[in-house]
Amino acid sequence: MEPMTDSTYLILLSLLEPRHGYAIMKGISDMTHDSVSIGPASMYTILKKLEKKGDIRLKEDKDRKKIYVITDQGKADLVKEVERRRMFYEAGRSLLNGDRVDVYGI
C-alpha cells in the first residue's frame, strides 16, 4: 500500500461515519481545530480516487444528496496508515527524548 497524503488520511477518518461533501470538509475542520481545510476541488478529486480504488462507495439519501461511505477495504487501509503514522510519531518522540532509534536495524 502506498502511503496516504494527509488530505486522503483526513478524508477517510472523517468517513468513519457516512457524510456528504460539505460535512466531510466541516468534519476535517472540526477534527483539526481549524488547522486544516480541504477545498472542494481537492476533496472531490480525492473522493473519486478513493471510490475508484474501492476505499469508499457513494450512495444517495432521500434528499438526493451524495453520501460517501467508507468500505471494509477503506477501513483496513486506514488502519494500516494509522499504524504507519504511529511508528513515525513514536520514532520522533524517542529522538526528541534523546533516545537512540534503530532506523536501519543496526
PDB file of N, CA and C in Angstrom:
ATOM      1  N   MET A   1       0.843  -1.184   0.000  1.00  0.00           N
ATOM      2  CA  MET A   1       0.000   0.000   0.000  1.00  0.00           C
ATOM      3  C   MET A   1       0.885   1.243   0.000  1.00  0.00           C
ATOM      4  N   GLU A   2       0.562   2.164  -0.857  1.00  0.00           N
ATOM      5  CA  GLU A   2       1.279   3.433  -0.930  1.00  0.00           C
ATOM      6  C   GLU A   2       0.840   4.327   0.235  1.00  0.00           C
ATOM      7  N   PRO A   3       1.776   5.068   0.839  1.00  0.00           N
ATOM      8  CA  PRO A   3       1.391   5.962   1.943  1.00  0.00           C
ATOM      9  C   PRO A   3       0.337   6.972   1.491  1.00  0.00           C
ATOM     10  N   MET A   4      -0.562   7.315   2.396  1.00  0.00           N
ATOM     11  CA  MET A   4      -1.620   8.278   2.102  1.00  0.00           C
ATOM     12  C   MET A   4      -1.127   9.704   2.299  1.00  0.00           C
ATOM     13  N   THR A   5      -1.668  10.599   1.496  1.00  0.00           N
ATOM     14  CA  THR A   5      -1.437  12.018   1.757  1.00  0.00           C
ATOM     15  C   THR A   5      -2.226  12.397   3.005  1.00  0.00           C
ATOM     16  N   ASP A   6      -1.867  13.515   3.601  1.00  0.00           N
ATOM     17  CA  ASP A   6      -2.611  13.979   4.771  1.00  0.00           C
ATOM     18  C   ASP A   6      -4.087  14.190   4.431  1.00  0.00           C
ATOM     19  N   SER A   7      -4.350  14.756   3.260  1.00  0.00           N
ATOM     20  CA  SER A   7      -5.741  15.015   2.870  1.00  0.00           C
ATOM     21  C   SER A   7      -6.539  13.723   2.741  1.00  0.00           C
ATOM     22  N   THR A   8      -5.959  12.719   2.103  1.00  0.00           N
ATOM     23  CA  THR A   8      -6.635  11.429   1.956  1.00  0.00           C
ATOM     24  C   THR A   8      -6.886  10.806   3.319  1.00  0.00           C
ATOM     25  N   TYR A   9      -5.884  10.847   4.171  1.00  0.00           N
ATOM     26  CA  TYR A   9      -5.987  10.308   5.534  1.00  0.00           C
ATOM     27  C   TYR A   9      -7.133  10.978   6.296  1.00  0.00           C
ATOM     28  N   LEU A  10      -7.187  12.294   6.254  1.00  0.00           N
ATOM     29  CA  LEU A  10      -8.232  13.019   6.988  1.00  0.00           C
ATOM     30  C   LEU A  10      -9.618  12.764   6.403  1.00  0.00           C
ATOM     31  N   ILE A  11      -9.705  12.654   5.087  1.00  0.00           N
ATOM     32  CA  ILE A  11     -10.998  12.357   4.464  1.00  0.00           C
ATOM     33  C   ILE A  11     -11.487  10.982   4.909  1.00  0.00           C
ATOM     34  N   LEU A  12     -10.619   9.975   4.877  1.00  0.00           N
ATOM     35  CA  LEU A  12     -11.040   8.636   5.313  1.00  0.00           C
ATOM     36  C   LEU A  12     -11.417   8.630   6.791  1.00  0.00           C
ATOM     37  N   LEU A  13     -10.653   9.334   7.623  1.00  0.00           N
ATOM     38  CA  LEU A  13     -11.027   9.424   9.042  1.00  0.00           C
ATOM     39  C   LEU A  13     -12.413  10.039   9.200  1.00  0.00           C
ATOM     40  N   SER A  14     -12.679  11.087   8.428  1.00  0.00           N
ATOM     41  CA  SER A  14     -13.984  11.747   8.549  1.00  0.00           C
ATOM     42  C   SER A  14     -15.113  10.847   8.071  1.00  0.00           C
ATOM     43  N   LEU A  15     -14.789   9.875   7.210  1.00  0.00           N
ATOM     44  CA  LEU A  15     -15.817   8.979   6.673  1.00  0.00           C
ATOM     45  C   LEU A  15     -16.033   7.730   7.519  1.00  0.00           C
ATOM     46  N   LEU A  16     -15.519   7.726   8.730  1.00  0.00           N
ATOM     47  CA  LEU A  16     -15.853   6.623   9.628  1.00  0.00           C
ATOM     48  C   LEU A  16     -17.340   6.667   9.971  1.00  0.00           C
ATOM     49  N   GLU A  17     -17.969   7.802   9.663  1.00  0.00           N
ATOM     50  CA  GLU A  17     -19.434   7.854   9.630  1.00  0.00           C
ATOM     51  C   GLU A  17     -19.823   8.459   8.283  1.00  0.00           C
ATOM     52  N   PRO A  18     -20.890   7.957   7.651  1.00  0.00           N
ATOM     53  CA  PRO A  18     -21.274   8.438   6.323  1.00  0.00           C
ATOM     54  C   PRO A  18     -21.514   9.953   6.324  1.00  0.00           C
ATOM     55  N   ARG A  19     -21.033  10.619   5.283  1.00  0.00           N
ATOM     56  CA  ARG A  19     -21.173  12.079   5.187  1.00  0.00           C
ATOM     57  C   ARG A  19     -21.296  12.511   3.727  1.00  0.00           C
ATOM     58  N   HIS A  20     -21.907  13.672   3.535  1.00  0.00           N
ATOM     59  CA  HIS A  20     -21.906  14.307   2.219  1.00  0.00           C
ATOM     60  C   HIS A  20     -20.724  15.273   2.158  1.00  0.00           C
ATOM     61  N   GLY A  21     -20.471  15.834   0.992  1.00  0.00           N
ATOM     62  CA  GLY A  21     -19.276  16.639   0.765  1.00  0.00           C
ATOM     63  C   GLY A  21     -19.022  17.740   1.777  1.00  0.00           C
ATOM     64  N   TYR A  22     -20.021  18.595   2.006  1.00  0.00           N
ATOM     65  CA  TYR A  22     -19.814  19.701   2.941  1.00  0.00           C
ATOM     66  C   TYR A  22     -19.511  19.179   4.339  1.00  0.00           C
ATOM     67  N   ALA A  23     -20.180  18.111   4.752  1.00  0.00           N
ATOM     68  CA  ALA A  23     -19.955  17.545   6.089  1.00  0.00           C
ATOM     69  C   ALA A  23     -18.544  16.965   6.215  1.00  0.00           C
ATOM     70  N   ILE A  24     -17.988  16.467   5.115  1.00  0.00           N
ATOM     71  CA  ILE A  24     -16.603  15.980   5.146  1.00  0.00           C
ATOM     72  C   ILE A  24     -15.668  17.154   5.430  1.00  0.00           C
ATOM     73  N   MET A  25     -15.836  18.248   4.680  1.00  0.00           N
ATOM     74  CA  MET A  25     -14.983  19.425   4.885  1.00  0.00           C
ATOM     75  C   MET A  25     -15.133  19.977   6.297  1.00  0.00           C
ATOM     76  N   LYS A  26     -16.363  20.048   6.776  1.00  0.00           N
ATOM     77  CA  LYS A  26     -16.625  20.558   8.129  1.00  0.00           C
ATOM     78  C   LYS A  26     -16.031  19.617   9.172  1.00  0.00           C
ATOM     79  N   GLY A  27     -16.172  18.310   8.965  1.00  0.00           N
ATOM     80  CA  GLY A  27     -15.623  17.331   9.898  1.00  0.00           C
ATOM     81  C   GLY A  27     -14.110  17.433  10.015  1.00  0.00           C
ATOM     82  N   ILE A  28     -13.437  17.640   8.884  1.00  0.00           N
ATOM     83  CA  ILE A  28     -11.978  17.784   8.901  1.00  0.00           C
ATOM     84  C   ILE A  28     -11.582  19.058   9.622  1.00  0.00           C
ATOM     85  N   SER A  29     -12.290  20.123   9.342  1.00  0.00           N
ATOM     86  CA  SER A  29     -12.012  21.391  10.023  1.00  0.00           C
ATOM     87  C   SER A  29     -12.194  21.253  11.531  1.00  0.00           C
ATOM     88  N   ASP A  30     -13.276  20.603  11.939  1.00  0.00           N
ATOM     89  CA  ASP A  30     -13.534  20.390  13.375  1.00  0.00           C
ATOM     90  C   ASP A  30     -12.487  19.463  13.995  1.00  0.00           C
ATOM     91  N   MET A  31     -12.167  18.368  13.297  1.00  0.00           N
ATOM     92  CA  MET A  31     -11.220  17.376  13.801  1.00  0.00           C
ATOM     93  C   MET A  31      -9.838  17.985  14.035  1.00  0.00           C
ATOM     94  N   THR A  32      -9.466  18.944  13.183  1.00  0.00           N
ATOM     95  CA  THR A  32      -8.132  19.538  13.259  1.00  0.00           C
ATOM     96  C   THR A  32      -8.149  20.907  13.937  1.00  0.00           C
ATOM     97  N   HIS A  33      -9.270  21.230  14.578  1.00  0.00           N
ATOM     98  CA  HIS A  33      -9.421  22.527  15.262  1.00  0.00           C
ATOM     99  C   HIS A  33      -9.087  23.681  14.314  1.00  0.00           C
ATOM    100  N   ASP A  34      -9.619  23.597  13.109  1.00  0.00           N
ATOM    101  CA  ASP A  34      -9.468  24.603  12.054  1.00  0.00           C
ATOM    102  C   ASP A  34      -8.038  24.790  11.552  1.00  0.00           C
ATOM    103  N   SER A  35      -7.145  23.846  11.833  1.00  0.00           N
ATOM    104  CA  SER A  35      -5.768  23.985  11.341  1.00  0.00           C
ATOM    105  C   SER A  35      -5.604  23.417   9.928  1.00  0.00           C
ATOM    106  N   VAL A  36      -6.576  22.633   9.478  1.00  0.00           N
ATOM    107  CA  VAL A  36      -6.537  22.080   8.122  1.00  0.00           C
ATOM    108  C   VAL A  36      -7.886  22.304   7.469  1.00  0.00           C
ATOM    109  N   SER A  37      -7.838  22.792   6.247  1.00  0.00           N
ATOM    110  CA  SER A  37      -9.068  22.862   5.457  1.00  0.00           C
ATOM    111  C   SER A  37      -8.744  22.305   4.073  1.00  0.00           C
ATOM    112  N   ILE A  38      -9.672  21.566   3.545  1.00  0.00           N
ATOM    113  CA  ILE A  38      -9.517  20.981   2.212  1.00  0.00           C
ATOM    114  C   ILE A  38     -10.602  21.589   1.338  1.00  0.00           C
ATOM    115  N   GLY A  39     -10.188  22.189   0.244  1.00  0.00           N
ATOM    116  CA  GLY A  39     -11.139  22.817  -0.664  1.00  0.00           C
ATOM    117  C   GLY A  39     -11.950  21.790  -1.430  1.00  0.00           C
ATOM    118  N   PRO A  40     -13.083  22.229  -1.976  1.00  0.00           N
ATOM    119  CA  PRO A  40     -13.968  21.299  -2.687  1.00  0.00           C
ATOM    120  C   PRO A  40     -13.300  20.593  -3.870  1.00  0.00           C
ATOM    121  N   ALA A  41     -12.524  21.314  -4.670  1.00  0.00           N
ATOM    122  CA  ALA A  41     -11.907  20.686  -5.849  1.00  0.00           C
ATOM    123  C   ALA A  41     -10.959  19.565  -5.431  1.00  0.00           C
ATOM    124  N   SER A  42     -10.117  19.838  -4.448  1.00  0.00           N
ATOM    125  CA  SER A  42      -9.189  18.806  -3.957  1.00  0.00           C
ATOM    126  C   SER A  42      -9.950  17.640  -3.354  1.00  0.00           C
ATOM    127  N   MET A  43     -10.955  17.954  -2.548  1.00  0.00           N
ATOM    128  CA  MET A  43     -11.701  16.904  -1.868  1.00  0.00           C
ATOM    129  C   MET A  43     -12.391  15.977  -2.870  1.00  0.00           C
ATOM    130  N   TYR A  44     -13.074  16.552  -3.866  1.00  0.00           N
ATOM    131  CA  TYR A  44     -13.803  15.707  -4.812  1.00  0.00           C
ATOM    132  C   TYR A  44     -12.857  14.896  -5.700  1.00  0.00           C
ATOM    133  N   THR A  45     -11.678  15.435  -5.992  1.00  0.00           N
ATOM    134  CA  THR A  45     -10.672  14.665  -6.727  1.00  0.00           C
ATOM    135  C   THR A  45     -10.241  13.449  -5.910  1.00  0.00           C
ATOM    136  N   ILE A  46      -9.982  13.663  -4.623  1.00  0.00           N
ATOM    137  CA  ILE A  46      -9.580  12.564  -3.738  1.00  0.00           C
ATOM    138  C   ILE A  46     -10.718  11.562  -3.581  1.00  0.00           C
ATOM    139  N   LEU A  47     -11.940  12.045  -3.426  1.00  0.00           N
ATOM    140  CA  LEU A  47     -13.087  11.144  -3.280  1.00  0.00           C
ATOM    141  C   LEU A  47     -13.237  10.243  -4.508  1.00  0.00           C
ATOM    142  N   LYS A  48     -13.041  10.807  -5.704  1.00  0.00           N
ATOM    143  CA  LYS A  48     -13.125   9.992  -6.927  1.00  0.00           C
ATOM    144  C   LYS A  48     -12.056   8.904  -6.929  1.00  0.00           C
ATOM    145  N   LYS A  49     -10.831   9.265  -6.523  1.00  0.00           N
ATOM    146  CA  LYS A  49      -9.746   8.273  -6.472  1.00  0.00           C
ATOM    147  C   LYS A  49     -10.053   7.183  -5.451  1.00  0.00           C
ATOM    148  N   LEU A  50     -10.564   7.579  -4.287  1.00  0.00           N
ATOM    149  CA  LEU A  50     -10.895   6.605  -3.244  1.00  0.00           C
ATOM    150  C   LEU A  50     -12.017   5.678  -3.688  1.00  0.00           C
ATOM    151  N   GLU A  51     -12.993   6.232  -4.408  1.00  0.00           N
ATOM    152  CA  GLU A  51     -14.097   5.405  -4.907  1.00  0.00           C
ATOM    153  C   GLU A  51     -13.584   4.415  -5.957  1.00  0.00           C
ATOM    154  N   LYS A  52     -12.742   4.888  -6.858  1.00  0.00           N
ATOM    155  CA  LYS A  52     -12.184   4.018  -7.898  1.00  0.00           C
ATOM    156  C   LYS A  52     -11.345   2.895  -7.279  1.00  0.00           C
ATOM    157  N   LYS A  53     -10.622   3.209  -6.207  1.00  0.00           N
ATOM    158  CA  LYS A  53      -9.773   2.228  -5.518  1.00  0.00           C
ATOM    159  C   LYS A  53     -10.596   1.238  -4.695  1.00  0.00           C
ATOM    160  N   GLY A  54     -11.839   1.603  -4.372  1.00  0.00           N
ATOM    161  CA  GLY A  54     -12.695   0.724  -3.575  1.00  0.00           C
ATOM    162  C   GLY A  54     -12.668   1.016  -2.088  1.00  0.00           C
ATOM    163  N   ASP A  55     -12.051   2.139  -1.698  1.00  0.00           N
ATOM    164  CA  ASP A  55     -11.985   2.501  -0.279  1.00  0.00           C
ATOM    165  C   ASP A  55     -13.264   3.164   0.223  1.00  0.00           C
ATOM    166  N   ILE A  56     -14.030   3.736  -0.692  1.00  0.00           N
ATOM    167  CA  ILE A  56     -15.320   4.330  -0.323  1.00  0.00           C
ATOM    168  C   ILE A  56     -16.337   3.959  -1.394  1.00  0.00           C
ATOM    169  N   ARG A  57     -17.598   4.136  -1.046  1.00  0.00           N
ATOM    170  CA  ARG A  57     -18.659   3.983  -2.047  1.00  0.00           C
ATOM    171  C   ARG A  57     -19.603   5.166  -1.901  1.00  0.00           C
ATOM    172  N   LEU A  58     -20.369   5.392  -2.916  1.00  0.00           N
ATOM    173  CA  LEU A  58     -21.275   6.530  -2.969  1.00  0.00           C
ATOM    174  C   LEU A  58     -22.705   6.027  -2.929  1.00  0.00           C
ATOM    175  N   LYS A  59     -23.531   6.703  -2.150  1.00  0.00           N
ATOM    176  CA  LYS A  59     -24.962   6.397  -2.165  1.00  0.00           C
ATOM    177  C   LYS A  59     -25.720   7.714  -2.074  1.00  0.00           C
ATOM    178  N   GLU A  60     -26.967   7.689  -2.493  1.00  0.00           N
ATOM    179  CA  GLU A  60     -27.803   8.883  -2.403  1.00  0.00           C
ATOM    180  C   GLU A  60     -28.794   8.702  -1.279  1.00  0.00           C
ATOM    181  N   ASP A  61     -29.029   9.791  -0.533  1.00  0.00           N
ATOM    182  CA  ASP A  61     -30.047   9.721   0.514  1.00  0.00           C
ATOM    183  C   ASP A  61     -31.389  10.161  -0.059  1.00  0.00           C
ATOM    184  N   LYS A  62     -32.384  10.259   0.789  1.00  0.00           N
ATOM    185  CA  LYS A  62     -33.742  10.585   0.323  1.00  0.00           C
ATOM    186  C   LYS A  62     -33.841  11.979  -0.290  1.00  0.00           C
ATOM    187  N   ASP A  63     -32.921  12.879   0.085  1.00  0.00           N
ATOM    188  CA  ASP A  63     -32.914  14.232  -0.478  1.00  0.00           C
ATOM    189  C   ASP A  63     -32.023  14.331  -1.713  1.00  0.00           C
ATOM    190  N   ARG A  64     -31.562  13.176  -2.207  1.00  0.00           N
ATOM    191  CA  ARG A  64     -30.699  13.068  -3.383  1.00  0.00           C
ATOM    192  C   ARG A  64     -29.320  13.672  -3.166  1.00  0.00           C
ATOM    193  N   LYS A  65     -28.927  13.808  -1.901  1.00  0.00           N
ATOM    194  CA  LYS A  65     -27.557  14.224  -1.605  1.00  0.00           C
ATOM    195  C   LYS A  65     -26.657  13.011  -1.797  1.00  0.00           C
ATOM    196  N   LYS A  66     -25.451  13.267  -2.271  1.00  0.00           N
ATOM    197  CA  LYS A  66     -24.473  12.190  -2.404  1.00  0.00           C
ATOM    198  C   LYS A  66     -23.816  11.970  -1.052  1.00  0.00           C
ATOM    199  N   ILE A  67     -23.945  10.764  -0.553  1.00  0.00           N
ATOM    200  CA  ILE A  67     -23.373  10.386   0.737  1.00  0.00           C
ATOM    201  C   ILE A  67     -22.212   9.429   0.469  1.00  0.00           C
ATOM    202  N   TYR A  68     -21.087   9.719   1.089  1.00  0.00           N
ATOM    203  CA  TYR A  68     -19.896   8.877   0.941  1.00  0.00           C
ATOM    204  C   TYR A  68     -19.775   7.979   2.163  1.00  0.00           C
ATOM    205  N   VAL A  69     -19.462   6.699   1.904  1.00  0.00           N
ATOM    206  CA  VAL A  69     -19.393   5.685   2.957  1.00  0.00           C
ATOM    207  C   VAL A  69     -18.069   4.934   2.808  1.00  0.00           C
ATOM    208  N   ILE A  70     -17.340   4.778   3.898  1.00  0.00           N
ATOM    209  CA  ILE A  70     -16.088   4.018   3.856  1.00  0.00           C
ATOM    210  C   ILE A  70     -16.414   2.525   3.761  1.00  0.00           C
ATOM    211  N   THR A  71     -15.642   1.805   2.974  1.00  0.00           N
ATOM    212  CA  THR A  71     -15.830   0.355   2.821  1.00  0.00           C
ATOM    213  C   THR A  71     -14.920  -0.385   3.810  1.00  0.00           C
ATOM    214  N   ASP A  72     -15.106  -1.696   3.889  1.00  0.00           N
ATOM    215  CA  ASP A  72     -14.219  -2.503   4.733  1.00  0.00           C
ATOM    216  C   ASP A  72     -12.768  -2.382   4.262  1.00  0.00           C
ATOM    217  N   GLN A  73     -12.573  -2.358   2.956  1.00  0.00           N
ATOM    218  CA  GLN A  73     -11.225  -2.180   2.410  1.00  0.00           C
ATOM    219  C   GLN A  73     -10.661  -0.822   2.825  1.00  0.00           C
ATOM    220  N   GLY A  74     -11.499   0.216   2.772  1.00  0.00           N
ATOM    221  CA  GLY A  74     -11.063   1.547   3.188  1.00  0.00           C
ATOM    222  C   GLY A  74     -10.666   1.578   4.653  1.00  0.00           C
ATOM    223  N   LYS A  75     -11.447   0.888   5.493  1.00  0.00           N
ATOM    224  CA  LYS A  75     -11.105   0.815   6.923  1.00  0.00           C
ATOM    225  C   LYS A  75      -9.783   0.087   7.125  1.00  0.00           C
ATOM    226  N   ALA A  76      -9.572  -1.002   6.388  1.00  0.00           N
ATOM    227  CA  ALA A  76      -8.318  -1.757   6.512  1.00  0.00           C
ATOM    228  C   ALA A  76      -7.128  -0.894   6.082  1.00  0.00           C
ATOM    229  N   ASP A  77      -7.284  -0.156   4.993  1.00  0.00           N
ATOM    230  CA  ASP A  77      -6.215   0.741   4.544  1.00  0.00           C
ATOM    231  C   ASP A  77      -5.963   1.843   5.570  1.00  0.00           C
ATOM    232  N   LEU A  78      -7.028   2.338   6.179  1.00  0.00           N
ATOM    233  CA  LEU A  78      -6.896   3.383   7.194  1.00  0.00           C
ATOM    234  C   LEU A  78      -6.159   2.859   8.424  1.00  0.00           C
ATOM    235  N   VAL A  79      -6.468   1.643   8.840  1.00  0.00           N
ATOM    236  CA  VAL A  79      -5.773   1.035   9.988  1.00  0.00           C
ATOM    237  C   VAL A  79      -4.274   0.928   9.694  1.00  0.00           C
ATOM    238  N   LYS A  80      -3.917   0.499   8.484  1.00  0.00           N
ATOM    239  CA  LYS A  80      -2.502   0.399   8.106  1.00  0.00           C
ATOM    240  C   LYS A  80      -1.830   1.769   8.139  1.00  0.00           C
ATOM    241  N   GLU A  81      -2.534   2.781   7.667  1.00  0.00           N
ATOM    242  CA  GLU A  81      -1.968   4.130   7.649  1.00  0.00           C
ATOM    243  C   GLU A  81      -1.819   4.693   9.055  1.00  0.00           C
ATOM    244  N   VAL A  82      -2.782   4.430   9.922  1.00  0.00           N
ATOM    245  CA  VAL A  82      -2.670   4.870  11.319  1.00  0.00           C
ATOM    246  C   VAL A  82      -1.437   4.229  11.950  1.00  0.00           C
ATOM    247  N   GLU A  83      -1.217   2.956  11.694  1.00  0.00           N
ATOM    248  CA  GLU A  83      -0.052   2.258  12.244  1.00  0.00           C
ATOM    249  C   GLU A  83       1.251   2.841  11.693  1.00  0.00           C
ATOM    250  N   ARG A  84       1.269   3.131  10.404  1.00  0.00           N
ATOM    251  CA  ARG A  84       2.460   3.726   9.791  1.00  0.00           C
ATOM    252  C   ARG A  84       2.772   5.076  10.427  1.00  0.00           C
ATOM    253  N   ARG A  85       1.741   5.888  10.614  1.00  0.00           N
ATOM    254  CA  ARG A  85       1.941   7.208  11.222  1.00  0.00           C
ATOM    255  C   ARG A  85       2.312   7.087  12.696  1.00  0.00           C
ATOM    256  N   ARG A  86       1.783   6.085  13.381  1.00  0.00           N
ATOM    257  CA  ARG A  86       2.133   5.864  14.791  1.00  0.00           C
ATOM    258  C   ARG A  86       3.617   5.544  14.915  1.00  0.00           C
ATOM    259  N   MET A  87       4.126   4.741  14.001  1.00  0.00           N
ATOM    260  CA  MET A  87       5.542   4.380  14.013  1.00  0.00           C
ATOM    261  C   MET A  87       6.412   5.635  13.871  1.00  0.00           C
ATOM    262  N   PHE A  88       6.047   6.529  12.954  1.00  0.00           N
ATOM    263  CA  PHE A  88       6.797   7.778  12.784  1.00  0.00           C
ATOM    264  C   PHE A  88       6.702   8.654  14.024  1.00  0.00           C
ATOM    265  N   TYR A  89       5.511   8.721  14.594  1.00  0.00           N
ATOM    266  CA  TYR A  89       5.304   9.520  15.805  1.00  0.00           C
ATOM    267  C   TYR A  89       6.193   9.008  16.936  1.00  0.00           C
ATOM    268  N   GLU A  90       6.189   7.692  17.140  1.00  0.00           N
ATOM    269  CA  GLU A  90       6.982   7.115  18.230  1.00  0.00           C
ATOM    270  C   GLU A  90       8.477   7.317  18.004  1.00  0.00           C
ATOM    271  N   ALA A  91       8.935   7.192  16.767  1.00  0.00           N
ATOM    272  CA  ALA A  91      10.350   7.434  16.471  1.00  0.00           C
ATOM    273  C   ALA A  91      10.704   8.891  16.759  1.00  0.00           C
ATOM    274  N   GLY A  92       9.842   9.802  16.366  1.00  0.00           N
ATOM    275  CA  GLY A  92      10.070  11.222  16.628  1.00  0.00           C
ATOM    276  C   GLY A  92      10.124  11.530  18.111  1.00  0.00           C
ATOM    277  N   ARG A  93       9.185  10.979  18.861  1.00  0.00           N
ATOM    278  CA  ARG A  93       9.171  11.197  20.319  1.00  0.00           C
ATOM    279  C   ARG A  93      10.441  10.652  20.961  1.00  0.00           C
ATOM    280  N   SER A  94      10.863   9.481  20.537  1.00  0.00           N
ATOM    281  CA  SER A  94      12.081   8.881  21.092  1.00  0.00           C
ATOM    282  C   SER A  94      13.300   9.748  20.796  1.00  0.00           C
ATOM    283  N   LEU A  95      13.408  10.213  19.562  1.00  0.00           N
ATOM    284  CA  LEU A  95      14.544  11.064  19.199  1.00  0.00           C
ATOM    285  C   LEU A  95      14.534  12.373  19.983  1.00  0.00           C
ATOM    286  N   LEU A  96      13.367  12.965  20.148  1.00  0.00           N
ATOM    287  CA  LEU A  96      13.265  14.209  20.915  1.00  0.00           C
ATOM    288  C   LEU A  96      13.622  14.004  22.378  1.00  0.00           C
ATOM    289  N   ASN A  97      13.382  12.810  22.880  1.00  0.00           N
ATOM    290  CA  ASN A  97      13.728  12.487  24.270  1.00  0.00           C
ATOM    291  C   ASN A  97      15.186  12.060  24.417  1.00  0.00           C
ATOM    292  N   GLY A  98      15.935  12.082  23.315  1.00  0.00           N
ATOM    293  CA  GLY A  98      17.345  11.720  23.366  1.00  0.00           C
ATOM    294  C   GLY A  98      17.616  10.237  23.267  1.00  0.00           C
ATOM    295  N   ASP A  99      16.595   9.449  22.984  1.00  0.00           N
ATOM    296  CA  ASP A  99      16.773   8.005  22.839  1.00  0.00           C
ATOM    297  C   ASP A  99      17.327   7.692  21.450  1.00  0.00           C
ATOM    298  N   ARG A 100      18.050   6.603  21.357  1.00  0.00           N
ATOM    299  CA  ARG A 100      18.542   6.143  20.057  1.00  0.00           C
ATOM    300  C   ARG A 100      17.417   5.371  19.375  1.00  0.00           C
ATOM    301  N   VAL A 101      17.177   5.689  18.129  1.00  0.00           N
ATOM    302  CA  VAL A 101      16.171   4.970  17.351  1.00  0.00           C
ATOM    303  C   VAL A 101      16.899   4.154  16.293  1.00  0.00           C
ATOM    304  N   ASP A 102      16.662   2.858  16.297  1.00  0.00           N
ATOM    305  CA  ASP A 102      17.325   1.939  15.381  1.00  0.00           C
ATOM    306  C   ASP A 102      16.571   1.909  14.057  1.00  0.00           C
ATOM    307  N   VAL A 103      16.806   2.925  13.246  1.00  0.00           N
ATOM    308  CA  VAL A 103      16.081   3.080  11.991  1.00  0.00           C
ATOM    309  C   VAL A 103      16.504   2.041  10.960  1.00  0.00           C
ATOM    310  N   TYR A 104      17.771   1.695  10.936  1.00  0.00           N
ATOM    311  CA  TYR A 104      18.299   0.825   9.889  1.00  0.00           C
ATOM    312  C   TYR A 104      18.514  -0.614  10.339  1.00  0.00           C
ATOM    313  N   GLY A 105      18.095  -0.944  11.542  1.00  0.00           N
ATOM    314  CA  GLY A 105      18.253  -2.300  12.041  1.00  0.00           C
ATOM    315  C   GLY A 105      19.690  -2.647  12.389  1.00  0.00           C
ATOM    316  N   ILE A 106      20.479  -1.627  12.670  1.00  0.00           N
ATOM    317  CA  ILE A 106      21.900  -1.830  13.003  1.00  0.00           C
ATOM    318  C   ILE A 106      22.083  -1.842  14.511  1.00  0.00           C
TER     319      ILE A 106
END
